[in-house]
């Protein structure tokens, strides 16, 4: 797994992109995530599904698959608005959870 995103604050949500080499849609999705990351801080975790039988079985026909904080948000042609909303909700949930536990 590769992580991306310099200067991302600790505690920011994790966005995982399940991808494989040579996938044009995956390359486009990664560029979109990096552009969104410029205005909305989050970590990007890249997972190559090739060679992992379970991940290939689950995602080969749907890649790229975008998971935000443990939940699949979009796949194939990426819905960046859905990713943005999920990241904002993950950030708010973390903030509210921190406030409630203090």
Protein backbone atom coordinates (compact mmCIF):
# COMPACT_ATOMS: atom_id res chain seq x y z
CA UNK A 1 0.00 0.00 0.00
CA UNK A 2 1.27 3.44 -0.89
CA UNK A 3 0.24 6.58 0.94
CA UNK A 4 -0.01 9.95 -0.68
CA UNK A 5 -0.42 13.50 0.37
CA UNK A 6 2.28 15.65 1.88
CA UNK A 7 1.21 18.10 4.57
CA UNK A 8 -1.97 16.23 5.47
CA UNK A 9 -2.80 16.81 9.14
CA UNK A 10 -2.82 13.86 11.51
CA UNK A 11 -6.31 12.56 12.11
CA UNK A 12 -7.46 13.40 8.57
CA UNK A 13 -9.67 10.76 6.93
CA UNK A 14 -8.18 8.01 4.81
CA UNK A 15 -9.33 7.60 1.24
CA UNK A 16 -8.33 4.29 -0.33
CA UNK A 17 -8.17 3.81 -4.07
CA UNK A 18 -8.21 0.19 -5.21
CA UNK A 19 -6.46 0.10 -8.58
CA UNK A 20 -4.25 -1.88 -10.93
CA UNK A 21 -1.45 -1.01 -13.32
CA UNK A 22 -2.53 0.02 -16.79
CA UNK A 23 -6.01 1.11 -15.69
CA UNK A 24 -6.76 4.46 -17.35
CA UNK A 25 -9.79 5.12 -15.13
CA UNK A 26 -7.60 4.49 -12.08
CA UNK A 27 -5.06 7.06 -13.27
CA UNK A 28 -7.83 9.63 -13.83
CA UNK A 29 -9.38 8.88 -10.42
CA UNK A 30 -6.03 9.36 -8.68
CA UNK A 31 -5.57 12.73 -10.38
CA UNK A 32 -9.07 13.75 -9.27
CA UNK A 33 -8.36 12.68 -5.69
CA UNK A 34 -5.10 14.62 -5.64
CA UNK A 35 -6.88 17.73 -6.95
CA UNK A 36 -9.59 17.41 -4.28
CA UNK A 37 -6.89 16.87 -1.66
CA UNK A 38 -5.57 20.39 -2.36
CA UNK A 39 -8.69 21.95 -0.83
CA UNK A 40 -9.86 19.22 1.55
CA UNK A 41 -7.15 17.43 3.55
CA UNK A 42 -7.21 13.62 3.57
CA UNK A 43 -4.75 10.77 3.21
CA UNK A 44 -4.68 8.78 -0.02
CA UNK A 45 -3.92 5.09 0.36
CA UNK A 46 -3.26 3.28 -2.92
CA UNK A 47 -3.89 -0.46 -3.07
CA UNK A 48 -2.93 -2.48 -6.14
CA UNK A 49 -5.41 -5.35 -6.36
CA UNK A 50 -3.23 -7.45 -8.67
CA UNK A 51 -1.89 -10.57 -7.03
CA UNK A 52 -4.44 -10.50 -4.20
CA UNK A 53 -7.09 -13.10 -5.06
CA UNK A 54 -9.67 -11.66 -2.68
CA UNK A 55 -9.27 -8.08 -3.92
CA UNK A 56 -9.26 -9.20 -7.56
CA UNK A 57 -12.46 -11.17 -7.00
CA UNK A 58 -14.14 -8.21 -5.26
CA UNK A 59 -12.95 -5.30 -7.41
CA UNK A 60 -11.52 -6.38 -10.79
CA UNK A 61 -14.64 -5.40 -12.75
CA UNK A 62 -15.31 -2.25 -10.74
CA UNK A 63 -11.93 -0.51 -10.44
CA UNK A 64 -11.16 2.09 -9.56
CA UNK A 65 -12.96 1.67 -6.26
CA UNK A 66 -12.85 4.53 -3.75
CA UNK A 67 -13.28 3.78 -0.05
CA UNK A 68 -13.57 6.60 2.48
CA UNK A 69 -12.97 5.75 6.13
CA UNK A 70 -13.82 2.09 5.54
CA UNK A 71 -16.88 2.43 3.29
CA UNK A 72 -16.98 2.11 -0.51
CA UNK A 73 -18.24 5.43 -1.87
CA UNK A 74 -17.88 5.15 -5.65
CA UNK A 75 -16.44 2.87 -8.32
CA UNK A 76 -15.74 2.83 -12.06
CA UNK A 77 -16.42 6.36 -13.27
CA UNK A 78 -15.66 8.24 -10.05
CA UNK A 79 -18.30 10.50 -8.52
CA UNK A 80 -16.06 13.16 -6.99
CA UNK A 81 -19.00 14.85 -5.25
CA UNK A 82 -19.71 11.59 -3.40
CA UNK A 83 -16.05 11.39 -2.37
CA UNK A 84 -16.07 15.02 -1.21
CA UNK A 85 -19.25 14.47 0.83
CA UNK A 86 -17.87 11.29 2.40
CA UNK A 87 -14.59 12.99 3.36
CA UNK A 88 -16.46 15.94 4.89
CA UNK A 89 -18.72 13.56 6.82
CA UNK A 90 -15.70 11.56 8.01
CA UNK A 91 -14.00 14.79 9.15
CA UNK A 92 -17.16 15.97 10.93
CA UNK A 93 -17.69 12.60 12.56
CA UNK A 94 -14.16 12.60 13.88
CA UNK A 95 -14.49 16.17 15.14
CA UNK A 96 -17.85 15.50 16.79
CA UNK A 97 -16.55 12.27 18.29
CA UNK A 98 -13.55 14.07 19.77
CA UNK A 99 -15.75 16.80 21.26
CA UNK A 100 -18.18 14.29 22.76
CA UNK A 101 -15.42 12.28 24.40
CA UNK A 102 -13.79 15.32 26.01
